[in-house]
């Protein structure tokens, strides 16, 4: 979490400082603007990380649910096949001449 916040703060500071200097502001005003930009972009990056983490968690949950459903379907199919084979075996033992 701190990594994204730190990277966002650095990017915000650098971009805001560059924009302020290029717009011919004084150095003190440029540094103040860069500090505000640092805080704003750092919080935006923090929010972006939270959203990305939430989406990743949802993907993992969905994949796990789908895997469980596939395993349950395969188990049900295997059970049905086993019952069919048992019924055929019982029928063959009941009618050995057929």
PDB file of N, CA and C in Angstrom:
ATOM      1  N   UNK A   1       0.826  -1.176   0.000  1.00  0.00           N
ATOM      2  CA  UNK A   1       0.000   0.000   0.000  1.00  0.00           C
ATOM      3  C   UNK A   1       0.879   1.251   0.000  1.00  0.00           C
ATOM      4  N   UNK A   2       1.930   1.254   0.772  1.00  0.00           N
ATOM      5  CA  UNK A   2       2.781   2.426   0.829  1.00  0.00           C
ATOM      6  C   UNK A   2       3.514   2.651  -0.486  1.00  0.00           C
ATOM      7  N   UNK A   3       3.797   1.567  -1.188  1.00  0.00           N
ATOM      8  CA  UNK A   3       4.520   1.705  -2.449  1.00  0.00           C
ATOM      9  C   UNK A   3       3.728   2.565  -3.430  1.00  0.00           C
ATOM     10  N   UNK A   4       2.438   2.264  -3.595  1.00  0.00           N
ATOM     11  CA  UNK A   4       1.622   3.040  -4.523  1.00  0.00           C
ATOM     12  C   UNK A   4       1.485   4.483  -4.066  1.00  0.00           C
ATOM     13  N   UNK A   5       1.338   4.686  -2.777  1.00  0.00           N
ATOM     14  CA  UNK A   5       1.207   6.040  -2.254  1.00  0.00           C
ATOM     15  C   UNK A   5       2.488   6.836  -2.483  1.00  0.00           C
ATOM     16  N   UNK A   6       3.623   6.207  -2.247  1.00  0.00           N
ATOM     17  CA  UNK A   6       4.906   6.902  -2.453  1.00  0.00           C
ATOM     18  C   UNK A   6       5.141   7.223  -3.923  1.00  0.00           C
ATOM     19  N   UNK A   7       4.879   6.268  -4.793  1.00  0.00           N
ATOM     20  CA  UNK A   7       5.051   6.511  -6.229  1.00  0.00           C
ATOM     21  C   UNK A   7       4.103   7.611  -6.694  1.00  0.00           C
ATOM     22  N   UNK A   8       2.844   7.552  -6.234  1.00  0.00           N
ATOM     23  CA  UNK A   8       1.878   8.598  -6.601  1.00  0.00           C
ATOM     24  C   UNK A   8       2.309   9.960  -6.110  1.00  0.00           C
ATOM     25  N   UNK A   9       2.832  10.026  -4.881  1.00  0.00           N
ATOM     26  CA  UNK A   9       3.300  11.297  -4.340  1.00  0.00           C
ATOM     27  C   UNK A   9       4.467  11.854  -5.135  1.00  0.00           C
ATOM     28  N   UNK A  10       5.389  10.989  -5.502  1.00  0.00           N
ATOM     29  CA  UNK A  10       6.539  11.448  -6.290  1.00  0.00           C
ATOM     30  C   UNK A  10       6.088  11.957  -7.655  1.00  0.00           C
ATOM     31  N   UNK A  11       5.224  11.204  -8.315  1.00  0.00           N
ATOM     32  CA  UNK A  11       4.739  11.621  -9.638  1.00  0.00           C
ATOM     33  C   UNK A  11       3.978  12.941  -9.527  1.00  0.00           C
ATOM     34  N   UNK A  12       3.121  13.058  -8.512  1.00  0.00           N
ATOM     35  CA  UNK A  12       2.360  14.297  -8.321  1.00  0.00           C
ATOM     36  C   UNK A  12       3.263  15.483  -8.062  1.00  0.00           C
ATOM     37  N   UNK A  13       4.279  15.284  -7.222  1.00  0.00           N
ATOM     38  CA  UNK A  13       5.208  16.371  -6.925  1.00  0.00           C
ATOM     39  C   UNK A  13       5.963  16.796  -8.177  1.00  0.00           C
ATOM     40  N   UNK A  14       6.500  15.812  -8.895  1.00  0.00           N
ATOM     41  CA  UNK A  14       7.312  16.125 -10.073  1.00  0.00           C
ATOM     42  C   UNK A  14       6.479  16.819 -11.159  1.00  0.00           C
ATOM     43  N   UNK A  15       5.299  16.290 -11.439  1.00  0.00           N
ATOM     44  CA  UNK A  15       4.469  16.888 -12.497  1.00  0.00           C
ATOM     45  C   UNK A  15       3.989  18.285 -12.126  1.00  0.00           C
ATOM     46  N   UNK A  16       3.569  18.456 -10.870  1.00  0.00           N
ATOM     47  CA  UNK A  16       3.070  19.767 -10.456  1.00  0.00           C
ATOM     48  C   UNK A  16       4.206  20.790 -10.397  1.00  0.00           C
ATOM     49  N   UNK A  17       5.369  20.360  -9.932  1.00  0.00           N
ATOM     50  CA  UNK A  17       6.514  21.277  -9.898  1.00  0.00           C
ATOM     51  C   UNK A  17       6.904  21.688 -11.315  1.00  0.00           C
ATOM     52  N   UNK A  18       6.955  20.735 -12.215  1.00  0.00           N
ATOM     53  CA  UNK A  18       7.305  21.056 -13.603  1.00  0.00           C
ATOM     54  C   UNK A  18       6.275  22.001 -14.221  1.00  0.00           C
ATOM     55  N   UNK A  19       4.986  21.735 -13.987  1.00  0.00           N
ATOM     56  CA  UNK A  19       3.939  22.594 -14.553  1.00  0.00           C
ATOM     57  C   UNK A  19       4.014  24.000 -13.965  1.00  0.00           C
ATOM     58  N   UNK A  20       4.286  24.110 -12.665  1.00  0.00           N
ATOM     59  CA  UNK A  20       4.371  25.435 -12.037  1.00  0.00           C
ATOM     60  C   UNK A  20       5.584  26.213 -12.545  1.00  0.00           C
ATOM     61  N   UNK A  21       6.713  25.535 -12.674  1.00  0.00           N
ATOM     62  CA  UNK A  21       7.918  26.220 -13.155  1.00  0.00           C
ATOM     63  C   UNK A  21       7.743  26.648 -14.612  1.00  0.00           C
ATOM     64  N   UNK A  22       7.134  25.774 -15.414  1.00  0.00           N
ATOM     65  CA  UNK A  22       6.915  26.123 -16.825  1.00  0.00           C
ATOM     66  C   UNK A  22       5.909  27.259 -17.006  1.00  0.00           C
ATOM     67  N   UNK A  23       5.043  27.470 -16.003  1.00  0.00           N
ATOM     68  CA  UNK A  23       4.086  28.569 -16.115  1.00  0.00           C
ATOM     69  C   UNK A  23       4.620  29.851 -15.452  1.00  0.00           C
ATOM     70  N   UNK A  24       5.945  29.904 -15.243  1.00  0.00           N
ATOM     71  CA  UNK A  24       6.654  31.093 -14.743  1.00  0.00           C
ATOM     72  C   UNK A  24       6.186  31.542 -13.361  1.00  0.00           C
ATOM     73  N   UNK A  25       5.950  30.594 -12.464  1.00  0.00           N
ATOM     74  CA  UNK A  25       5.627  30.934 -11.076  1.00  0.00           C
ATOM     75  C   UNK A  25       6.943  31.063 -10.298  1.00  0.00           C
ATOM     76  N   UNK A  26       6.887  31.733  -9.154  1.00  0.00           N
ATOM     77  CA  UNK A  26       8.062  31.837  -8.300  1.00  0.00           C
ATOM     78  C   UNK A  26       8.378  30.468  -7.719  1.00  0.00           C
ATOM     79  N   UNK A  27       9.624  30.285  -7.276  1.00  0.00           N
ATOM     80  CA  UNK A  27      10.053  28.978  -6.777  1.00  0.00           C
ATOM     81  C   UNK A  27       9.270  28.561  -5.533  1.00  0.00           C
ATOM     82  N   UNK A  28       9.046  29.488  -4.616  1.00  0.00           N
ATOM     83  CA  UNK A  28       8.291  29.171  -3.397  1.00  0.00           C
ATOM     84  C   UNK A  28       6.872  28.737  -3.696  1.00  0.00           C
ATOM     85  N   UNK A  29       6.216  29.453  -4.600  1.00  0.00           N
ATOM     86  CA  UNK A  29       4.851  29.103  -4.989  1.00  0.00           C
ATOM     87  C   UNK A  29       4.849  27.761  -5.723  1.00  0.00           C
ATOM     88  N   UNK A  30       5.868  27.532  -6.555  1.00  0.00           N
ATOM     89  CA  UNK A  30       5.959  26.271  -7.291  1.00  0.00           C
ATOM     90  C   UNK A  30       6.123  25.085  -6.344  1.00  0.00           C
ATOM     91  N   UNK A  31       6.953  25.253  -5.318  1.00  0.00           N
ATOM     92  CA  UNK A  31       7.156  24.160  -4.350  1.00  0.00           C
ATOM     93  C   UNK A  31       5.882  23.920  -3.547  1.00  0.00           C
ATOM     94  N   UNK A  32       5.183  24.989  -3.151  1.00  0.00           N
ATOM     95  CA  UNK A  32       3.915  24.813  -2.438  1.00  0.00           C
ATOM     96  C   UNK A  32       2.905  24.084  -3.318  1.00  0.00           C
ATOM     97  N   UNK A  33       2.786  24.504  -4.565  1.00  0.00           N
ATOM     98  CA  UNK A  33       1.875  23.826  -5.493  1.00  0.00           C
ATOM     99  C   UNK A  33       2.271  22.356  -5.677  1.00  0.00           C
ATOM    100  N   UNK A  34       3.564  22.099  -5.746  1.00  0.00           N
ATOM    101  CA  UNK A  34       4.051  20.727  -5.899  1.00  0.00           C
ATOM    102  C   UNK A  34       3.711  19.893  -4.667  1.00  0.00           C
ATOM    103  N   UNK A  35       3.769  20.497  -3.493  1.00  0.00           N
ATOM    104  CA  UNK A  35       3.420  19.778  -2.267  1.00  0.00           C
ATOM    105  C   UNK A  35       1.943  19.406  -2.268  1.00  0.00           C
ATOM    106  N   UNK A  36       1.105  20.328  -2.668  1.00  0.00           N
ATOM    107  CA  UNK A  36      -0.327  20.037  -2.753  1.00  0.00           C
ATOM    108  C   UNK A  36      -0.582  18.966  -3.810  1.00  0.00           C
ATOM    109  N   UNK A  37       0.085  19.080  -4.951  1.00  0.00           N
ATOM    110  CA  UNK A  37      -0.044  18.068  -6.004  1.00  0.00           C
ATOM    111  C   UNK A  37       0.423  16.703  -5.534  1.00  0.00           C
ATOM    112  N   UNK A  38       1.473  16.687  -4.725  1.00  0.00           N
ATOM    113  CA  UNK A  38       1.989  15.435  -4.167  1.00  0.00           C
ATOM    114  C   UNK A  38       0.920  14.750  -3.326  1.00  0.00           C
ATOM    115  N   UNK A  39       0.276  15.499  -2.449  1.00  0.00           N
ATOM    116  CA  UNK A  39      -0.751  14.920  -1.587  1.00  0.00           C
ATOM    117  C   UNK A  39      -1.965  14.440  -2.384  1.00  0.00           C
ATOM    118  N   UNK A  40      -2.403  15.254  -3.328  1.00  0.00           N
ATOM    119  CA  UNK A  40      -3.595  14.893  -4.108  1.00  0.00           C
ATOM    120  C   UNK A  40      -3.356  13.632  -4.932  1.00  0.00           C
ATOM    121  N   UNK A  41      -2.268  13.593  -5.652  1.00  0.00           N
ATOM    122  CA  UNK A  41      -1.985  12.432  -6.510  1.00  0.00           C
ATOM    123  C   UNK A  41      -1.686  11.197  -5.660  1.00  0.00           C
ATOM    124  N   UNK A  42      -1.042  11.364  -4.500  1.00  0.00           N
ATOM    125  CA  UNK A  42      -0.780  10.223  -3.615  1.00  0.00           C
ATOM    126  C   UNK A  42      -2.092   9.598  -3.155  1.00  0.00           C
ATOM    127  N   UNK A  43      -3.072  10.415  -2.778  1.00  0.00           N
ATOM    128  CA  UNK A  43      -4.364   9.865  -2.362  1.00  0.00           C
ATOM    129  C   UNK A  43      -5.124   9.247  -3.538  1.00  0.00           C
ATOM    130  N   UNK A  44      -4.962   9.817  -4.727  1.00  0.00           N
ATOM    131  CA  UNK A  44      -5.591   9.211  -5.901  1.00  0.00           C
ATOM    132  C   UNK A  44      -4.987   7.840  -6.197  1.00  0.00           C
ATOM    133  N   UNK A  45      -3.673   7.731  -6.098  1.00  0.00           N
ATOM    134  CA  UNK A  45      -3.020   6.439  -6.313  1.00  0.00           C
ATOM    135  C   UNK A  45      -3.439   5.434  -5.244  1.00  0.00           C
ATOM    136  N   UNK A  46      -3.594   5.905  -4.013  1.00  0.00           N
ATOM    137  CA  UNK A  46      -4.042   5.019  -2.936  1.00  0.00           C
ATOM    138  C   UNK A  46      -5.443   4.490  -3.240  1.00  0.00           C
ATOM    139  N   UNK A  47      -6.324   5.353  -3.709  1.00  0.00           N
ATOM    140  CA  UNK A  47      -7.662   4.914  -4.087  1.00  0.00           C
ATOM    141  C   UNK A  47      -7.634   3.953  -5.263  1.00  0.00           C
ATOM    142  N   UNK A  48      -6.769   4.232  -6.236  1.00  0.00           N
ATOM    143  CA  UNK A  48      -6.633   3.337  -7.383  1.00  0.00           C
ATOM    144  C   UNK A  48      -6.172   1.958  -6.939  1.00  0.00           C
ATOM    145  N   UNK A  49      -5.229   1.918  -6.000  1.00  0.00           N
ATOM    146  CA  UNK A  49      -4.757   0.628  -5.498  1.00  0.00           C
ATOM    147  C   UNK A  49      -5.875  -0.127  -4.791  1.00  0.00           C
ATOM    148  N   UNK A  50      -6.696   0.579  -4.036  1.00  0.00           N
ATOM    149  CA  UNK A  50      -7.807  -0.074  -3.350  1.00  0.00           C
ATOM    150  C   UNK A  50      -8.791  -0.676  -4.347  1.00  0.00           C
ATOM    151  N   UNK A  51      -9.082   0.051  -5.407  1.00  0.00           N
ATOM    152  CA  UNK A  51      -9.996  -0.450  -6.434  1.00  0.00           C
ATOM    153  C   UNK A  51      -9.377  -1.644  -7.160  1.00  0.00           C
ATOM    154  N   UNK A  52      -8.105  -1.566  -7.487  1.00  0.00           N
ATOM    155  CA  UNK A  52      -7.426  -2.678  -8.163  1.00  0.00           C
ATOM    156  C   UNK A  52      -7.399  -3.916  -7.275  1.00  0.00           C
ATOM    157  N   UNK A  53      -7.152  -3.731  -5.980  1.00  0.00           N
ATOM    158  CA  UNK A  53      -7.136  -4.859  -5.043  1.00  0.00           C
ATOM    159  C   UNK A  53      -8.522  -5.486  -4.928  1.00  0.00           C
ATOM    160  N   UNK A  54      -9.559  -4.655  -4.873  1.00  0.00           N
ATOM    161  CA  UNK A  54     -10.928  -5.155  -4.803  1.00  0.00           C
ATOM    162  C   UNK A  54     -11.264  -5.974  -6.053  1.00  0.00           C
ATOM    163  N   UNK A  55     -10.890  -5.462  -7.216  1.00  0.00           N
ATOM    164  CA  UNK A  55     -11.167  -6.180  -8.472  1.00  0.00           C
ATOM    165  C   UNK A  55     -10.406  -7.500  -8.529  1.00  0.00           C
ATOM    166  N   UNK A  56      -9.162  -7.502  -8.093  1.00  0.00           N
ATOM    167  CA  UNK A  56      -8.381  -8.736  -8.089  1.00  0.00           C
ATOM    168  C   UNK A  56      -8.999  -9.760  -7.144  1.00  0.00           C
ATOM    169  N   UNK A  57      -9.474  -9.302  -6.000  1.00  0.00           N
ATOM    170  CA  UNK A  57     -10.122 -10.200  -5.043  1.00  0.00           C
ATOM    171  C   UNK A  57     -11.398 -10.793  -5.650  1.00  0.00           C
ATOM    172  N   UNK A  58     -12.157  -9.973  -6.368  1.00  0.00           N
ATOM    173  CA  UNK A  58     -13.378 -10.459  -7.014  1.00  0.00           C
ATOM    174  C   UNK A  58     -13.056 -11.512  -8.078  1.00  0.00           C
ATOM    175  N   UNK A  59     -11.999 -11.296  -8.852  1.00  0.00           N
ATOM    176  CA  UNK A  59     -11.604 -12.253  -9.892  1.00  0.00           C
ATOM    177  C   UNK A  59     -11.219 -13.591  -9.267  1.00  0.00           C
ATOM    178  N   UNK A  60     -10.444 -13.537  -8.181  1.00  0.00           N
ATOM    179  CA  UNK A  60     -10.026 -14.771  -7.512  1.00  0.00           C
ATOM    180  C   UNK A  60     -11.246 -15.507  -6.951  1.00  0.00           C
ATOM    181  N   UNK A  61     -12.162 -14.776  -6.356  1.00  0.00           N
ATOM    182  CA  UNK A  61     -13.374 -15.389  -5.806  1.00  0.00           C
ATOM    183  C   UNK A  61     -14.209 -16.024  -6.903  1.00  0.00           C
ATOM    184  N   UNK A  62     -14.363 -15.332  -8.009  1.00  0.00           N
ATOM    185  CA  UNK A  62     -15.157 -15.854  -9.124  1.00  0.00           C
ATOM    186  C   UNK A  62     -14.517 -17.104  -9.719  1.00  0.00           C
ATOM    187  N   UNK A  63     -13.207 -17.084  -9.893  1.00  0.00           N
ATOM    188  CA  UNK A  63     -12.520 -18.263 -10.436  1.00  0.00           C
ATOM    189  C   UNK A  63     -12.643 -19.452  -9.489  1.00  0.00           C
ATOM    190  N   UNK A  64     -12.554 -19.192  -8.207  1.00  0.00           N
ATOM    191  CA  UNK A  64     -12.701 -20.260  -7.219  1.00  0.00           C
ATOM    192  C   UNK A  64     -14.108 -20.845  -7.266  1.00  0.00           C
ATOM    193  N   UNK A  65     -15.102 -19.980  -7.387  1.00  0.00           N
ATOM    194  CA  UNK A  65     -16.491 -20.444  -7.474  1.00  0.00           C
ATOM    195  C   UNK A  65     -16.706 -21.274  -8.728  1.00  0.00           C
ATOM    196  N   UNK A  66     -16.181 -20.818  -9.854  1.00  0.00           N
ATOM    197  CA  UNK A  66     -16.328 -21.566 -11.101  1.00  0.00           C
ATOM    198  C   UNK A  66     -15.624 -22.919 -11.028  1.00  0.00           C
ATOM    199  N   UNK A  67     -14.443 -22.954 -10.416  1.00  0.00           N
ATOM    200  CA  UNK A  67     -13.724 -24.216 -10.264  1.00  0.00           C
ATOM    201  C   UNK A  67     -14.516 -25.180  -9.393  1.00  0.00           C
ATOM    202  N   UNK A  68     -15.099 -24.676  -8.307  1.00  0.00           N
ATOM    203  CA  UNK A  68     -15.909 -25.526  -7.435  1.00  0.00           C
ATOM    204  C   UNK A  68     -17.126 -26.067  -8.165  1.00  0.00           C
ATOM    205  N   UNK A  69     -17.763 -25.227  -8.984  1.00  0.00           N
ATOM    206  CA  UNK A  69     -18.923 -25.686  -9.761  1.00  0.00           C
ATOM    207  C   UNK A  69     -18.523 -26.758 -10.768  1.00  0.00           C
ATOM    208  N   UNK A  70     -17.380 -26.573 -11.421  1.00  0.00           N
ATOM    209  CA  UNK A  70     -16.909 -27.578 -12.384  1.00  0.00           C
ATOM    210  C   UNK A  70     -16.597 -28.899 -11.688  1.00  0.00           C
ATOM    211  N   UNK A  71     -15.983 -28.834 -10.521  1.00  0.00           N
ATOM    212  CA  UNK A  71     -15.679 -30.056  -9.776  1.00  0.00           C
ATOM    213  C   UNK A  71     -16.958 -30.757  -9.329  1.00  0.00           C
ATOM    214  N   UNK A  72     -17.948 -29.991  -8.903  1.00  0.00           N
ATOM    215  CA  UNK A  72     -19.218 -30.580  -8.489  1.00  0.00           C
ATOM    216  C   UNK A  72     -19.922 -31.220  -9.677  1.00  0.00           C
ATOM    217  N   UNK A  73     -19.881 -30.577 -10.836  1.00  0.00           N
ATOM    218  CA  UNK A  73     -20.509 -31.140 -12.040  1.00  0.00           C
ATOM    219  C   UNK A  73     -19.794 -32.410 -12.468  1.00  0.00           C
ATOM    220  N   UNK A  74     -18.472 -32.421 -12.385  1.00  0.00           N
ATOM    221  CA  UNK A  74     -17.714 -33.616 -12.754  1.00  0.00           C
ATOM    222  C   UNK A  74     -18.011 -34.762 -11.789  1.00  0.00           C
ATOM    223  N   UNK A  75     -18.138 -34.452 -10.501  1.00  0.00           N
ATOM    224  CA  UNK A  75     -18.458 -35.482  -9.517  1.00  0.00           C
ATOM    225  C   UNK A  75     -19.861 -36.036  -9.756  1.00  0.00           C
ATOM    226  N   UNK A  76     -20.805 -35.173 -10.080  1.00  0.00           N
ATOM    227  CA  UNK A  76     -22.170 -35.630 -10.353  1.00  0.00           C
ATOM    228  C   UNK A  76     -22.202 -36.494 -11.612  1.00  0.00           C
ATOM    229  N   UNK A  77     -21.442 -36.104 -12.622  1.00  0.00           N
ATOM    230  CA  UNK A  77     -21.377 -36.885 -13.855  1.00  0.00           C
ATOM    231  C   UNK A  77     -20.751 -38.255 -13.596  1.00  0.00           C
ATOM    232  N   UNK A  78     -19.697 -38.285 -12.800  1.00  0.00           N
ATOM    233  CA  UNK A  78     -19.052 -39.561 -12.468  1.00  0.00           C
ATOM    234  C   UNK A  78     -19.991 -40.452 -11.665  1.00  0.00           C
ATOM    235  N   UNK A  79     -20.751 -39.859 -10.767  1.00  0.00           N
ATOM    236  CA  UNK A  79     -21.707 -40.634  -9.968  1.00  0.00           C
ATOM    237  C   UNK A  79     -22.813 -41.198 -10.848  1.00  0.00           C
ATOM    238  N   UNK A  80     -23.298 -40.395 -11.795  1.00  0.00           N
ATOM    239  CA  UNK A  80     -24.340 -40.873 -12.702  1.00  0.00           C
ATOM    240  C   UNK A  80     -23.807 -42.001 -13.582  1.00  0.00           C
ATOM    241  N   UNK A  81     -22.583 -41.871 -14.048  1.00  0.00           N
ATOM    242  CA  UNK A  81     -21.973 -42.931 -14.860  1.00  0.00           C
ATOM    243  C   UNK A  81     -21.804 -44.205 -14.040  1.00  0.00           C
ATOM    244  N   UNK A  82     -21.411 -44.047 -12.791  1.00  0.00           N
ATOM    245  CA  UNK A  82     -21.242 -45.207 -11.905  1.00  0.00           C
ATOM    246  C   UNK A  82     -22.578 -45.907 -11.668  1.00  0.00           C
ATOM    247  N   UNK A  83     -23.635 -45.140 -11.464  1.00  0.00           N
ATOM    248  CA  UNK A  83     -24.969 -45.734 -11.274  1.00  0.00           C
ATOM    249  C   UNK A  83     -25.424 -46.463 -12.529  1.00  0.00           C
ATOM    250  N   UNK A  84     -25.152 -45.878 -13.686  1.00  0.00           N
ATOM    251  CA  UNK A  84     -25.524 -46.514 -14.949  1.00  0.00           C
ATOM    252  C   UNK A  84     -24.773 -47.828 -15.123  1.00  0.00           C
ATOM    253  N   UNK A  85     -23.506 -47.818 -14.834  1.00  0.00           N
ATOM    254  CA  UNK A  85     -22.715 -49.046 -14.953  1.00  0.00           C
ATOM    255  C   UNK A  85     -23.166 -50.090 -13.942  1.00  0.00           C
ATOM    256  N   UNK A  86     -23.527 -49.666 -12.737  1.00  0.00           N
ATOM    257  CA  UNK A  86     -24.010 -50.610 -11.732  1.00  0.00           C
ATOM    258  C   UNK A  86     -25.339 -51.207 -12.158  1.00  0.00           C
ATOM    259  N   UNK A  87     -26.213 -50.379 -12.760  1.00  0.00           N
ATOM    260  CA  UNK A  87     -27.504 -50.881 -13.224  1.00  0.00           C
ATOM    261  C   UNK A  87     -27.304 -51.874 -14.367  1.00  0.00           C
ATOM    262  N   UNK A  88     -26.393 -51.587 -15.268  1.00  0.00           N
ATOM    263  CA  UNK A  88     -26.107 -52.506 -16.378  1.00  0.00           C
ATOM    264  C   UNK A  88     -25.516 -53.820 -15.849  1.00  0.00           C
ATOM    265  N   UNK A  89     -24.645 -53.716 -14.855  1.00  0.00           N
ATOM    266  CA  UNK A  89     -24.055 -54.927 -14.277  1.00  0.00           C
ATOM    267  C   UNK A  89     -25.120 -55.750 -13.577  1.00  0.00           C
ATOM    268  N   UNK A  90     -26.025 -55.085 -12.876  1.00  0.00           N
ATOM    269  CA  UNK A  90     -27.114 -55.803 -12.201  1.00  0.00           C
ATOM    270  C   UNK A  90     -28.029 -56.460 -13.222  1.00  0.00           C
ATOM    271  N   UNK A  91     -28.281 -55.778 -14.313  1.00  0.00           N
ATOM    272  CA  UNK A  91     -29.135 -56.330 -15.376  1.00  0.00           C
ATOM    273  C   UNK A  91     -28.463 -57.530 -16.034  1.00  0.00           C
ATOM    274  N   UNK A  92     -27.174 -57.447 -16.237  1.00  0.00           N
ATOM    275  CA  UNK A  92     -26.431 -58.559 -16.841  1.00  0.00           C
ATOM    276  C   UNK A  92     -26.397 -59.771 -15.918  1.00  0.00           C
ATOM    277  N   UNK A  93     -26.312 -59.558 -14.641  1.00  0.00           N
ATOM    278  CA  UNK A  93     -26.324 -60.704 -13.709  1.00  0.00           C
ATOM    279  C   UNK A  93     -27.702 -61.287 -13.570  1.00  0.00           C
ATOM    280  N   UNK A  94     -28.761 -60.486 -13.762  1.00  0.00           N
ATOM    281  CA  UNK A  94     -30.122 -60.986 -13.692  1.00  0.00           C
ATOM    282  C   UNK A  94     -30.492 -61.789 -14.935  1.00  0.00           C
ATOM    283  N   UNK A  95     -30.007 -61.385 -16.083  1.00  0.00           N
ATOM    284  CA  UNK A  95     -30.268 -62.061 -17.355  1.00  0.00           C
ATOM    285  C   UNK A  95     -28.947 -62.468 -17.984  1.00  0.00           C
ATOM    286  N   UNK A  96     -28.348 -63.585 -17.579  1.00  0.00           N
ATOM    287  CA  UNK A  96     -27.036 -63.951 -18.136  1.00  0.00           C
ATOM    288  C   UNK A  96     -27.113 -64.409 -19.581  1.00  0.00           C
ATOM    289  N   UNK A  97     -28.277 -64.752 -20.088  1.00  0.00           N
ATOM    290  CA  UNK A  97     -28.392 -65.241 -21.456  1.00  0.00           C
ATOM    291  C   UNK A  97     -28.514 -64.115 -22.452  1.00  0.00           C
ATOM    292  N   UNK A  98     -28.822 -62.941 -22.047  1.00  0.00           N
ATOM    293  CA  UNK A  98     -29.042 -61.844 -22.977  1.00  0.00           C
ATOM    294  C   UNK A  98     -27.787 -61.308 -23.448  1.00  0.00           C
TER     295      UNK A  98
END
